[in-house]
PDB file of all heavy atoms in Angstrom:
ATOM      1  N   HIS A   1       0.881  -1.172  -0.023  1.00  0.00           N
ATOM      2  CA  HIS A   1      -0.001  -0.021  -0.008  1.00  0.00           C
ATOM      3  C   HIS A   1       0.895   1.206   0.029  1.00  0.00           C
ATOM      4  O   HIS A   1       1.708   1.432   0.888  1.00  0.00           O
ATOM      5  CB  HIS A   1      -0.888  -0.023   1.253  1.00  0.00           C
ATOM      6  CG  HIS A   1      -1.707   1.231   1.404  1.00  0.00           C
ATOM      7  ND1 HIS A   1      -2.306   1.536   2.629  1.00  0.00           N
ATOM      8  CD2 HIS A   1      -1.997   2.234   0.586  1.00  0.00           C
ATOM      9  CE1 HIS A   1      -2.991   2.639   2.570  1.00  0.00           C
ATOM     10  NE2 HIS A   1      -2.786   3.106   1.217  1.00  0.00           N
ATOM     11  N   ALA A   2       0.728   2.039  -1.047  1.00  0.00           N
ATOM     12  CA  ALA A   2       1.527   3.268  -1.164  1.00  0.00           C
ATOM     13  C   ALA A   2       0.682   4.455  -0.813  1.00  0.00           C
ATOM     14  O   ALA A   2      -0.472   4.600  -1.335  1.00  0.00           O
ATOM     15  CB  ALA A   2       2.081   3.434  -2.515  1.00  0.00           C
ATOM     16  N   LEU A   3       1.110   5.345   0.061  1.00  0.00           N
ATOM     17  CA  LEU A   3       0.422   6.554   0.389  1.00  0.00           C
ATOM     18  C   LEU A   3       1.108   7.731  -0.334  1.00  0.00           C
ATOM     19  O   LEU A   3       2.230   8.001  -0.115  1.00  0.00           O
ATOM     20  CB  LEU A   3       0.413   6.862   1.884  1.00  0.00           C
ATOM     21  CG  LEU A   3      -0.077   8.183   2.410  1.00  0.00           C
ATOM     22  CD1 LEU A   3      -1.577   8.320   2.093  1.00  0.00           C
ATOM     23  CD2 LEU A   3       0.144   8.367   3.928  1.00  0.00           C
ATOM     24  N   VAL A   4       0.432   8.356  -1.298  1.00  0.00           N
ATOM     25  CA  VAL A   4       0.966   9.415  -2.100  1.00  0.00           C
ATOM     26  C   VAL A   4       0.398  10.702  -1.648  1.00  0.00           C
ATOM     27  O   VAL A   4      -0.841  10.997  -1.854  1.00  0.00           O
ATOM     28  CB  VAL A   4       0.776   9.194  -3.597  1.00  0.00           C
ATOM     29  CG1 VAL A   4       1.359  10.384  -4.389  1.00  0.00           C
ATOM     30  CG2 VAL A   4       1.232   7.858  -4.098  1.00  0.00           C
ATOM     31  N   ILE A   5       1.165  11.539  -0.972  1.00  0.00           N
ATOM     32  CA  ILE A   5       0.639  12.775  -0.426  1.00  0.00           C
ATOM     33  C   ILE A   5       1.054  13.924  -1.517  1.00  0.00           C
ATOM     34  O   ILE A   5       2.149  14.342  -1.620  1.00  0.00           O
ATOM     35  CB  ILE A   5       1.283  13.129   0.927  1.00  0.00           C
ATOM     36  CG1 ILE A   5       1.063  11.918   1.828  1.00  0.00           C
ATOM     37  CG2 ILE A   5       0.637  14.417   1.484  1.00  0.00           C
ATOM     38  CD1 ILE A   5       1.687  12.040   3.239  1.00  0.00           C
ATOM     39  N   GLY A   6       0.012  14.356  -2.146  1.00  0.00           N
ATOM     40  CA  GLY A   6       0.111  15.366  -3.251  1.00  0.00           C
ATOM     41  C   GLY A   6      -0.102  14.704  -4.600  1.00  0.00           C
ATOM     42  O   GLY A   6       0.573  13.802  -5.041  1.00  0.00           O
ATOM     43  N   ALA A   7      -1.140  15.244  -5.312  1.00  0.00           N
ATOM     44  CA  ALA A   7      -1.445  14.663  -6.622  1.00  0.00           C
ATOM     45  C   ALA A   7      -1.219  15.702  -7.720  1.00  0.00           C
ATOM     46  O   ALA A   7      -2.014  15.873  -8.636  1.00  0.00           O
ATOM     47  CB  ALA A   7      -2.992  14.221  -6.674  1.00  0.00           C
ATOM     48  N   GLY A   8      -0.103  16.432  -7.502  1.00  0.00           N
ATOM     49  CA  GLY A   8       0.255  17.447  -8.484  1.00  0.00           C
ATOM     50  C   GLY A   8       1.387  17.087  -9.413  1.00  0.00           C
ATOM     51  O   GLY A   8       1.409  15.989  -9.996  1.00  0.00           O
ATOM     52  N   GLY A   9       2.430  17.957  -9.527  1.00  0.00           N
ATOM     53  CA  GLY A   9       3.537  17.701 -10.450  1.00  0.00           C
ATOM     54  C   GLY A   9       4.286  16.415 -10.226  1.00  0.00           C
ATOM     55  O   GLY A   9       4.536  15.666 -11.121  1.00  0.00           O
ATOM     56  N   LEU A  10       4.635  16.164  -8.939  1.00  0.00           N
ATOM     57  CA  LEU A  10       5.415  14.908  -8.582  1.00  0.00           C
ATOM     58  C   LEU A  10       4.422  13.711  -8.418  1.00  0.00           C
ATOM     59  O   LEU A  10       4.743  12.651  -8.818  1.00  0.00           O
ATOM     60  CB  LEU A  10       6.190  15.154  -7.328  1.00  0.00           C
ATOM     61  CG  LEU A  10       7.383  16.160  -7.403  1.00  0.00           C
ATOM     62  CD1 LEU A  10       7.936  16.432  -6.008  1.00  0.00           C
ATOM     63  CD2 LEU A  10       8.398  15.643  -8.383  1.00  0.00           C
ATOM     64  N   GLY A  11       3.289  13.993  -7.723  1.00  0.00           N
ATOM     65  CA  GLY A  11       2.379  12.901  -7.514  1.00  0.00           C
ATOM     66  C   GLY A  11       1.863  12.339  -8.811  1.00  0.00           C
ATOM     67  O   GLY A  11       1.473  11.119  -8.797  1.00  0.00           O
ATOM     68  N   SER A  12       1.750  13.081  -9.853  1.00  0.00           N
ATOM     69  CA  SER A  12       1.171  12.621 -11.108  1.00  0.00           C
ATOM     70  C   SER A  12       2.034  11.495 -11.671  1.00  0.00           C
ATOM     71  O   SER A  12       1.561  10.350 -11.842  1.00  0.00           O
ATOM     72  CB  SER A  12       1.029  13.755 -12.133  1.00  0.00           C
ATOM     73  OG  SER A  12      -0.047  14.605 -11.722  1.00  0.00           O
ATOM     74  N   PRO A  13       3.288  11.694 -12.068  1.00  0.00           N
ATOM     75  CA  PRO A  13       4.074  10.597 -12.561  1.00  0.00           C
ATOM     76  C   PRO A  13       4.357   9.482 -11.685  1.00  0.00           C
ATOM     77  O   PRO A  13       4.451   8.357 -12.022  1.00  0.00           O
ATOM     78  CB  PRO A  13       5.393  11.287 -13.064  1.00  0.00           C
ATOM     79  CG  PRO A  13       5.469  12.552 -12.247  1.00  0.00           C
ATOM     80  CD  PRO A  13       4.055  13.005 -12.007  1.00  0.00           C
ATOM     81  N   ALA A  14       4.524   9.961 -10.321  1.00  0.00           N
ATOM     82  CA  ALA A  14       4.758   8.860  -9.384  1.00  0.00           C
ATOM     83  C   ALA A  14       3.639   7.847  -9.287  1.00  0.00           C
ATOM     84  O   ALA A  14       3.836   6.620  -9.343  1.00  0.00           O
ATOM     85  CB  ALA A  14       5.008   9.489  -7.979  1.00  0.00           C
ATOM     86  N   SER A  15       2.381   8.347  -9.218  1.00  0.00           N
ATOM     87  CA  SER A  15       1.250   7.515  -9.037  1.00  0.00           C
ATOM     88  C   SER A  15       0.945   6.733 -10.399  1.00  0.00           C
ATOM     89  O   SER A  15       0.474   5.551 -10.363  1.00  0.00           O
ATOM     90  CB  SER A  15      -0.005   8.231  -8.578  1.00  0.00           C
ATOM     91  OG  SER A  15      -0.303   9.294  -9.452  1.00  0.00           O
ATOM     92  N   PHE A  16       1.306   7.345 -11.545  1.00  0.00           N
ATOM     93  CA  PHE A  16       1.103   6.636 -12.805  1.00  0.00           C
ATOM     94  C   PHE A  16       1.888   5.389 -12.803  1.00  0.00           C
ATOM     95  O   PHE A  16       1.350   4.269 -13.156  1.00  0.00           O
ATOM     96  CB  PHE A  16       1.721   7.502 -13.927  1.00  0.00           C
ATOM     97  CG  PHE A  16       0.691   8.159 -14.826  1.00  0.00           C
ATOM     98  CD1 PHE A  16       0.317   9.465 -14.623  1.00  0.00           C
ATOM     99  CD2 PHE A  16       0.059   7.456 -15.890  1.00  0.00           C
ATOM    100  CE1 PHE A  16      -0.652  10.086 -15.457  1.00  0.00           C
ATOM    101  CE2 PHE A  16      -0.908   8.037 -16.639  1.00  0.00           C
ATOM    102  CZ  PHE A  16      -1.207   9.402 -16.433  1.00  0.00           C
ATOM    103  N   TYR A  17       3.132   5.389 -12.367  1.00  0.00           N
ATOM    104  CA  TYR A  17       3.985   4.238 -12.418  1.00  0.00           C
ATOM    105  C   TYR A  17       3.779   3.268 -11.226  1.00  0.00           C
ATOM    106  O   TYR A  17       3.957   2.053 -11.356  1.00  0.00           O
ATOM    107  CB  TYR A  17       5.464   4.581 -12.526  1.00  0.00           C
ATOM    108  CG  TYR A  17       5.812   4.801 -14.007  1.00  0.00           C
ATOM    109  CD1 TYR A  17       5.871   6.109 -14.398  1.00  0.00           C
ATOM    110  CD2 TYR A  17       6.041   3.801 -14.854  1.00  0.00           C
ATOM    111  CE1 TYR A  17       6.148   6.423 -15.815  1.00  0.00           C
ATOM    112  CE2 TYR A  17       6.323   4.031 -16.222  1.00  0.00           C
ATOM    113  CZ  TYR A  17       6.358   5.335 -16.697  1.00  0.00           C
ATOM    114  OH  TYR A  17       6.687   5.598 -17.943  1.00  0.00           O
ATOM    115  N   LEU A  18       3.312   3.769 -10.182  1.00  0.00           N
ATOM    116  CA  LEU A  18       2.860   2.895  -9.012  1.00  0.00           C
ATOM    117  C   LEU A  18       1.642   2.031  -9.500  1.00  0.00           C
ATOM    118  O   LEU A  18       1.578   0.841  -9.217  1.00  0.00           O
ATOM    119  CB  LEU A  18       2.507   3.680  -7.792  1.00  0.00           C
ATOM    120  CG  LEU A  18       3.605   4.474  -7.093  1.00  0.00           C
ATOM    121  CD1 LEU A  18       3.013   5.209  -5.902  1.00  0.00           C
ATOM    122  CD2 LEU A  18       4.718   3.622  -6.644  1.00  0.00           C
ATOM    123  N   ALA A  19       0.771   2.681 -10.232  1.00  0.00           N
ATOM    124  CA  ALA A  19      -0.414   1.977 -10.626  1.00  0.00           C
ATOM    125  C   ALA A  19      -0.110   0.973 -11.754  1.00  0.00           C
ATOM    126  O   ALA A  19      -0.458  -0.161 -11.740  1.00  0.00           O
ATOM    127  CB  ALA A  19      -1.517   3.023 -11.170  1.00  0.00           C
ATOM    128  N   SER A  20       0.640   1.495 -12.750  1.00  0.00           N
ATOM    129  CA  SER A  20       0.924   0.585 -13.838  1.00  0.00           C
ATOM    130  C   SER A  20       1.801  -0.531 -13.412  1.00  0.00           C
ATOM    131  O   SER A  20       1.850  -1.666 -13.918  1.00  0.00           O
ATOM    132  CB  SER A  20       1.638   1.369 -14.956  1.00  0.00           C
ATOM    133  OG  SER A  20       2.854   1.897 -14.600  1.00  0.00           O
ATOM    134  N   GLY A  21       2.676  -0.260 -12.375  1.00  0.00           N
ATOM    135  CA  GLY A  21       3.571  -1.222 -11.825  1.00  0.00           C
ATOM    136  C   GLY A  21       2.957  -2.304 -10.971  1.00  0.00           C
ATOM    137  O   GLY A  21       3.573  -3.321 -10.549  1.00  0.00           O
ATOM    138  N   GLY A  22       1.709  -2.054 -10.472  1.00  0.00           N
ATOM    139  CA  GLY A  22       0.938  -3.092  -9.788  1.00  0.00           C
ATOM    140  C   GLY A  22       0.858  -2.939  -8.316  1.00  0.00           C
ATOM    141  O   GLY A  22       0.564  -3.883  -7.623  1.00  0.00           O
ATOM    142  N   PHE A  23       1.136  -1.744  -7.717  1.00  0.00           N
ATOM    143  CA  PHE A  23       0.864  -1.599  -6.261  1.00  0.00           C
ATOM    144  C   PHE A  23      -0.549  -1.955  -5.996  1.00  0.00           C
ATOM    145  O   PHE A  23      -1.499  -1.471  -6.618  1.00  0.00           O
ATOM    146  CB  PHE A  23       1.178  -0.147  -5.876  1.00  0.00           C
ATOM    147  CG  PHE A  23       2.450   0.038  -5.103  1.00  0.00           C
ATOM    148  CD1 PHE A  23       3.645   0.184  -5.780  1.00  0.00           C
ATOM    149  CD2 PHE A  23       2.466   0.031  -3.696  1.00  0.00           C
ATOM    150  CE1 PHE A  23       4.780   0.330  -5.081  1.00  0.00           C
ATOM    151  CE2 PHE A  23       3.618   0.157  -3.042  1.00  0.00           C
ATOM    152  CZ  PHE A  23       4.836   0.343  -3.701  1.00  0.00           C
ATOM    153  N   GLY A  24      -0.715  -2.823  -4.983  1.00  0.00           N
ATOM    154  CA  GLY A  24      -2.098  -3.336  -4.665  1.00  0.00           C
ATOM    155  C   GLY A  24      -3.047  -2.261  -4.211  1.00  0.00           C
ATOM    156  O   GLY A  24      -4.166  -2.305  -4.603  1.00  0.00           O
ATOM    157  N   LYS A  25      -2.530  -1.250  -3.519  1.00  0.00           N
ATOM    158  CA  LYS A  25      -3.429  -0.060  -3.084  1.00  0.00           C
ATOM    159  C   LYS A  25      -2.613   1.164  -3.166  1.00  0.00           C
ATOM    160  O   LYS A  25      -1.450   1.244  -2.744  1.00  0.00           O
ATOM    161  CB  LYS A  25      -4.005  -0.313  -1.700  1.00  0.00           C
ATOM    162  CG  LYS A  25      -4.845   0.828  -1.210  1.00  0.00           C
ATOM    163  CD  LYS A  25      -5.471   0.549   0.099  1.00  0.00           C
ATOM    164  CE  LYS A  25      -6.434   1.686   0.557  1.00  0.00           C
ATOM    165  NZ  LYS A  25      -7.001   1.435   1.858  1.00  0.00           N
ATOM    166  N   ILE A  26      -3.284   2.184  -3.673  1.00  0.00           N
ATOM    167  CA  ILE A  26      -2.637   3.552  -3.687  1.00  0.00           C
ATOM    168  C   ILE A  26      -3.649   4.472  -3.090  1.00  0.00           C
ATOM    169  O   ILE A  26      -4.802   4.513  -3.539  1.00  0.00           O
ATOM    170  CB  ILE A  26      -2.340   3.967  -5.188  1.00  0.00           C
ATOM    171  CG1 ILE A  26      -1.296   2.942  -5.831  1.00  0.00           C
ATOM    172  CG2 ILE A  26      -1.768   5.373  -5.197  1.00  0.00           C
ATOM    173  CD1 ILE A  26      -1.155   3.244  -7.323  1.00  0.00           C
ATOM    174  N   THR A  27      -3.233   5.257  -2.107  1.00  0.00           N
ATOM    175  CA  THR A  27      -4.037   6.278  -1.544  1.00  0.00           C
ATOM    176  C   THR A  27      -3.503   7.631  -1.948  1.00  0.00           C
ATOM    177  O   THR A  27      -2.356   7.947  -1.646  1.00  0.00           O
ATOM    178  CB  THR A  27      -4.075   6.203   0.005  1.00  0.00           C
ATOM    179  OG1 THR A  27      -4.633   5.011   0.386  1.00  0.00           O
ATOM    180  CG2 THR A  27      -4.962   7.286   0.567  1.00  0.00           C
ATOM    181  N   LEU A  28      -4.260   8.384  -2.687  1.00  0.00           N
ATOM    182  CA  LEU A  28      -3.922   9.713  -3.177  1.00  0.00           C
ATOM    183  C   LEU A  28      -4.534  10.745  -2.234  1.00  0.00           C
ATOM    184  O   LEU A  28      -5.734  10.726  -1.981  1.00  0.00           O
ATOM    185  CB  LEU A  28      -4.496   9.943  -4.625  1.00  0.00           C
ATOM    186  CG  LEU A  28      -3.701   9.447  -5.782  1.00  0.00           C
ATOM    187  CD1 LEU A  28      -4.449   9.805  -6.992  1.00  0.00           C
ATOM    188  CD2 LEU A  28      -2.274  10.082  -5.894  1.00  0.00           C
ATOM    189  N   VAL A  29      -3.685  11.694  -1.744  1.00  0.00           N
ATOM    190  CA  VAL A  29      -4.154  12.716  -0.895  1.00  0.00           C
ATOM    191  C   VAL A  29      -3.944  14.111  -1.485  1.00  0.00           C
ATOM    192  O   VAL A  29      -2.823  14.422  -1.724  1.00  0.00           O
ATOM    193  CB  VAL A  29      -3.524  12.643   0.530  1.00  0.00           C
ATOM    194  CG1 VAL A  29      -4.028  13.690   1.507  1.00  0.00           C
ATOM    195  CG2 VAL A  29      -3.633  11.272   1.114  1.00  0.00           C
ATOM    196  N   ASP A  30      -4.992  14.900  -1.593  1.00  0.00           N
ATOM    197  CA  ASP A  30      -4.824  16.237  -2.123  1.00  0.00           C
ATOM    198  C   ASP A  30      -6.127  16.939  -1.978  1.00  0.00           C
ATOM    199  O   ASP A  30      -7.183  16.436  -2.379  1.00  0.00           O
ATOM    200  CB  ASP A  30      -4.372  16.203  -3.581  1.00  0.00           C
ATOM    201  CG  ASP A  30      -3.619  17.536  -3.898  1.00  0.00           C
ATOM    202  OD1 ASP A  30      -4.262  18.653  -3.645  1.00  0.00           O
ATOM    203  OD2 ASP A  30      -2.538  17.502  -4.530  1.00  0.00           O
TER     204      ASP A  30
END
């Protein structure tokens, strides 16, 4: 489970690859 704090400039590409890479759960906070 990845907690991504910030869905802006850094959170966008980070969460893209966490999702495509198969992290079971991603929590986006913004």
